[in-house]
Every structure is written in C-alpha cells, then in structure tokens.
C-alpha cells in the first residue's frame, strides 16, 4: 500500500482543524447544561423526593420553601417605583469572584460569587431576560463526574441563554469557581439581588419576564 505524503504546511493546517473540531466538541460537552427555562415553568417550589446530585455526589438537600425578608422586598419596591434616579446594574468581576450591584457609579451591594470551573462563564454585556424564584437544573456527564441534578435552585436570574445568577445550596465555597458556567451566590445574597433587579416579580407570581417596555437589569461580566 502506498503511503500518502503530506507537506509540512498541509500537516499544520490539518492539525489546526483537528484542534478546532476537538475544541468545539469539548465546549459542547462542557457548556452549561441547565438550559433556558421551559415555557410552562411557574417558578414555584416543587415538592420532590429525588436525591439532589452535584458532580456525581449526593447533596444533603434540605432546602424548604423560602420567605423573602423585609429588606429584600424593600429592594423590589425600589425597582417597581424606580425610586432611584440612577440606573441599577450589575458588575461581575471573575478575577476576584465578586458581584457588585450598582446604582449609577455607587456600589450598593458587594457579594462573593462562584463562577464557572467545569465550563466558562460567558463574558460581555447582557440583560436579565427572565427570573424564577425556583427552578430545576440538570446537566453534565456521569462518565466524567460532572453530572448534576438540582431541584428548586433558588432565585435564578437568566441573563444569557441558560446562564444565570442564582443561589446555591450544594456548596459553601463562594469566592472560588465552583459552577458549570452559571454564577453561584449564597442564598441570602441571591435573594437580595433577585428582588433588587428588574424585571420585578408580579404580585403573587414566582416568575417574571423582561419586555421591550420593561427591560431587565444590565449585567456586565469581565475578567
């Protein structure tokens, strides 16, 4: 059998092609698997007896239905009534694993976060497009120990496709990357932010959507 000879430039091009294809496959497998919420989601707490799992390990899941604090509800009043003359916006610094809630140039909240470790958190400028008081997240791969099944993830705010800012009950390692691409926060911090941002939660509802007339809070993410 005659062996085909390849020139050095051709081999370089082929190697680059293989790297690109492999990289795309890796990103597809490693990307955030929670996905955007289904249209029928209500954002309400769901009673379940299924075991919560994070990276193939069982989670001690004891999250009961949460009641927002008076402080958090006061923050939503400001969002509804536009009580401030400054725009509310969120700055997420991945290099120091912190989230800063701004009113104009003034920082009103500063929280530790956990961004992507097993998949990157997207950088850029976004808008919150939907908020759910609770949602289910599932993704990852069992074969590489990244599978997760997390019911009733609290205070989820999606800003880009299936990427969101939300509370996390499955770890307490905030200040260090710990997610599959989303932005994790301690639940009390996530609650404050959830009611502080737009779109505000309608009375008696657990889900809110942004609109052209009522755009979601701006989210800026950078390294």
Protein backbone atom coordinates (compact mmCIF):
# COMPACT_ATOMS: atom_id res chain seq x y z
CA UNK A 1 0.00 0.00 0.00
CA UNK A 2 1.34 3.39 -0.97
CA UNK A 3 1.54 5.89 1.91
CA UNK A 4 0.38 9.42 1.20
CA UNK A 5 2.99 12.06 1.86
CA UNK A 6 1.90 15.38 3.34
CA UNK A 7 3.85 18.60 3.16
CA UNK A 8 4.64 20.44 6.41
CA UNK A 9 2.16 23.30 5.74
CA UNK A 10 -0.61 20.78 4.99
CA UNK A 11 0.09 18.92 8.23
CA UNK A 12 -0.11 22.18 10.19
CA UNK A 13 -3.47 23.03 8.64
CA UNK A 14 -4.81 19.53 9.40
CA UNK A 15 -3.59 19.71 12.99
CA UNK A 16 -5.28 23.09 13.44
CA UNK A 17 -8.52 21.70 12.02
CA UNK A 18 -8.44 18.76 14.45
CA UNK A 19 -7.85 21.13 17.37
CA UNK A 20 -10.79 23.33 16.37
CA UNK A 21 -13.16 20.38 15.98
CA UNK A 22 -11.99 18.86 19.27
CA UNK A 23 -12.37 22.22 20.99
CA UNK A 24 -15.94 22.59 19.74
CA UNK A 25 -16.78 19.11 20.97
CA UNK A 26 -15.25 19.89 24.36
CA UNK A 27 -17.19 23.13 24.68
CA UNK A 28 -20.41 21.39 23.69
CA UNK A 29 -19.86 18.75 26.37
CA UNK A 30 -18.60 21.18 29.00
CA UNK A 31 -21.03 24.05 28.46
CA UNK A 32 -23.68 24.96 30.99
CA UNK A 33 -26.24 22.16 30.91
CA UNK A 34 -29.03 23.81 32.86
CA UNK A 35 -30.57 25.24 29.70
CA UNK A 36 -33.11 28.04 29.49
CA UNK A 37 -36.36 27.52 31.40
CA UNK A 38 -39.26 25.80 29.67
CA UNK A 39 -42.22 27.98 28.74
CA UNK A 40 -44.50 26.20 31.21
CA UNK A 41 -42.28 26.82 34.24
CA UNK A 42 -44.03 28.66 37.04
CA UNK A 43 -41.00 29.36 39.24
CA UNK A 44 -42.83 27.80 42.19
CA UNK A 45 -41.32 25.46 44.78
CA UNK A 46 -41.64 21.82 43.74
CA UNK A 47 -42.03 19.07 46.31
CA UNK A 48 -39.70 16.22 45.36
CA UNK A 49 -38.23 13.10 46.92
CA UNK A 50 -35.49 12.80 44.27
CA UNK A 51 -31.92 12.98 45.51
CA UNK A 52 -30.05 16.18 44.66
CA UNK A 53 -26.69 15.48 43.00
CA UNK A 54 -23.71 17.69 42.23
CA UNK A 55 -20.76 16.31 40.23
CA UNK A 56 -21.98 12.72 40.75
CA UNK A 57 -22.15 13.16 44.53
CA UNK A 58 -25.30 13.24 46.63
CA UNK A 59 -26.15 16.61 48.16
CA UNK A 60 -27.65 16.99 51.63
CA UNK A 61 -30.78 18.62 50.26
CA UNK A 62 -32.88 20.30 52.96
CA UNK A 63 -33.99 23.47 51.20
CA UNK A 64 -37.52 24.36 52.27
CA UNK A 65 -39.66 26.98 50.58
CA UNK A 66 -38.10 30.38 51.24
CA UNK A 67 -39.83 33.51 52.52
CA UNK A 68 -38.19 36.75 51.34
CA UNK A 69 -37.01 39.15 54.02
CA UNK A 70 -38.48 42.61 54.52
CA UNK A 71 -35.15 44.07 53.34
CA UNK A 72 -35.36 42.16 50.05
CA UNK A 73 -38.97 43.20 49.43
CA UNK A 74 -37.99 46.81 50.09
CA UNK A 75 -35.38 46.46 47.36
CA UNK A 76 -38.08 45.34 44.93
CA UNK A 77 -40.18 48.38 45.83
CA UNK A 78 -37.32 50.50 44.55
CA UNK A 79 -37.25 48.52 41.29
CA UNK A 80 -41.03 48.82 40.83
CA UNK A 81 -41.32 52.50 41.71
CA UNK A 82 -37.97 53.46 40.16
CA UNK A 83 -37.18 55.08 43.49
CA UNK A 84 -33.63 55.91 42.43
CA UNK A 85 -32.63 58.36 39.74
CA UNK A 86 -29.65 56.15 38.87
CA UNK A 87 -29.77 53.05 36.73
CA UNK A 88 -29.37 49.78 38.60
CA UNK A 89 -26.81 47.47 37.01
CA UNK A 90 -24.62 44.50 37.94
CA UNK A 91 -20.84 44.22 37.57
CA UNK A 92 -19.37 40.70 37.89
CA UNK A 93 -15.58 40.51 38.20
CA UNK A 94 -14.45 36.93 37.53
CA UNK A 95 -10.86 37.68 38.55
CA UNK A 96 -11.80 38.43 42.16
CA UNK A 97 -15.00 36.33 42.20
CA UNK A 98 -17.23 39.21 43.27
CA UNK A 99 -20.50 40.73 42.16
CA UNK A 100 -21.14 44.45 42.59
CA UNK A 101 -24.68 45.85 42.44
CA UNK A 102 -24.59 49.48 41.27
CA UNK A 103 -26.90 52.42 41.26
CA UNK A 104 -25.05 54.55 38.76
CA UNK A 105 -21.45 54.69 39.99
CA UNK A 106 -22.38 53.86 43.59
CA UNK A 107 -21.96 50.28 44.80
CA UNK A 108 -24.93 49.33 46.99
CA UNK A 109 -24.19 45.59 47.33
CA UNK A 110 -20.97 43.56 47.15
CA UNK A 111 -21.21 39.76 47.17
CA UNK A 112 -18.84 36.81 46.80
CA UNK A 113 -19.70 34.51 43.89
CA UNK A 114 -18.61 31.22 42.36
CA UNK A 115 -18.31 31.32 38.57
CA UNK A 116 -17.51 28.59 36.04
CA UNK A 117 -14.95 25.93 36.91
CA UNK A 118 -16.12 22.99 34.77
CA UNK A 119 -17.27 25.32 31.96
CA UNK A 120 -16.55 29.03 31.43
CA UNK A 121 -18.89 31.80 32.47
CA UNK A 122 -19.61 33.99 29.42
CA UNK A 123 -18.17 37.49 29.45
CA UNK A 124 -19.74 40.58 27.92
CA UNK A 125 -22.78 42.76 28.46
CA UNK A 126 -26.21 41.17 28.92
CA UNK A 127 -29.70 41.85 30.26
CA UNK A 128 -31.69 39.71 32.67
CA UNK A 129 -34.39 38.20 30.50
CA UNK A 130 -36.25 36.00 32.99
CA UNK A 131 -36.34 35.40 36.75
CA UNK A 132 -37.63 32.32 38.57
CA UNK A 133 -37.95 32.00 42.31
CA UNK A 134 -37.19 28.28 41.92
CA UNK A 135 -36.13 26.12 39.00
CA UNK A 136 -34.61 22.71 38.31
CA UNK A 137 -31.15 22.37 36.79
CA UNK A 138 -29.68 19.22 35.29
CA UNK A 139 -26.64 18.61 33.13
CA UNK A 140 -23.03 17.48 32.97
CA UNK A 141 -21.79 13.96 32.22
CA UNK A 142 -21.80 10.97 34.59
CA UNK A 143 -18.82 9.44 32.80
CA UNK A 144 -16.56 12.39 33.67
CA UNK A 145 -18.04 13.01 37.14
CA UNK A 146 -19.73 16.32 36.25
CA UNK A 147 -23.38 15.23 36.33
CA UNK A 148 -25.74 17.34 38.44
CA UNK A 149 -29.44 17.20 39.26
CA UNK A 150 -30.54 20.15 41.39
CA UNK A 151 -34.23 20.69 42.19
CA UNK A 152 -35.54 24.04 43.43
CA UNK A 153 -32.50 26.13 42.61
CA UNK A 154 -33.47 29.41 44.31
CA UNK A 155 -33.55 32.96 42.98
CA UNK A 156 -32.46 32.23 39.41
CA UNK A 157 -31.93 35.15 37.04
CA UNK A 158 -31.09 34.15 33.47
CA UNK A 159 -29.02 36.72 31.59
CA UNK A 160 -27.79 34.74 28.54
CA UNK A 161 -29.45 31.57 27.21
CA UNK A 162 -29.17 29.02 30.05
CA UNK A 163 -26.61 31.01 32.03
CA UNK A 164 -27.87 32.70 35.15
CA UNK A 165 -27.10 34.17 38.55
CA UNK A 166 -28.68 32.04 41.30
CA UNK A 167 -28.46 30.81 44.85
CA UNK A 168 -26.60 27.56 45.59
CA UNK A 169 -27.35 25.13 48.43
CA UNK A 170 -24.89 22.42 47.30
CA UNK A 171 -21.66 24.16 48.28
CA UNK A 172 -20.39 26.96 50.52
CA UNK A 173 -17.15 27.76 48.72
CA UNK A 174 -18.07 31.23 47.49
CA UNK A 175 -15.14 33.31 46.34
CA UNK A 176 -13.83 30.40 44.24
CA UNK A 177 -15.01 28.99 40.86
CA UNK A 178 -17.44 26.14 41.56
CA UNK A 179 -20.03 26.11 38.76
CA UNK A 180 -20.71 24.72 35.31
CA UNK A 181 -20.89 28.23 33.86
CA UNK A 182 -23.55 29.98 35.92
CA UNK A 183 -22.84 32.47 38.71
CA UNK A 184 -23.47 30.93 42.14
CA UNK A 185 -24.25 33.02 45.22
CA UNK A 186 -25.05 32.34 48.87
CA UNK A 187 -28.84 32.10 49.13
CA UNK A 188 -29.35 35.20 51.35
CA UNK A 189 -27.25 37.24 48.89
CA UNK A 190 -29.08 35.81 45.86
CA UNK A 191 -32.40 36.74 47.48
CA UNK A 192 -31.40 40.38 47.94
CA UNK A 193 -30.20 40.62 44.35
CA UNK A 194 -33.28 38.83 42.97
CA UNK A 195 -35.70 41.39 44.41
CA UNK A 196 -33.41 44.34 43.68
CA UNK A 197 -33.22 43.73 39.92
CA UNK A 198 -35.67 44.13 37.05
CA UNK A 199 -38.00 42.78 35.84
CA UNK A 200 -39.75 42.92 39.21
CA UNK A 201 -41.77 39.89 40.32
CA UNK A 202 -45.52 40.42 39.75
CA UNK A 203 -47.77 40.19 42.81
CA UNK A 204 -48.48 36.55 43.68
CA UNK A 205 -46.18 35.17 40.95
CA UNK A 206 -42.85 33.34 41.08
CA UNK A 207 -41.65 34.09 37.55
CA UNK A 208 -41.01 37.36 35.70
CA UNK A 209 -40.04 38.14 32.10
CA UNK A 210 -38.45 41.24 30.68
CA UNK A 211 -40.03 43.11 27.77
CA UNK A 212 -39.27 45.95 25.40
CA UNK A 213 -41.18 48.28 27.70
CA UNK A 214 -39.60 46.81 30.84
CA UNK A 215 -36.05 45.61 30.06
CA UNK A 216 -34.13 43.52 32.55
CA UNK A 217 -31.24 44.81 34.62
CA UNK A 218 -27.95 45.19 32.77
CA UNK A 219 -25.27 42.61 33.64
CA UNK A 220 -21.60 43.22 32.79
CA UNK A 221 -19.21 40.25 33.20
CA UNK A 222 -15.45 40.53 32.77
CA UNK A 223 -12.15 39.02 33.87
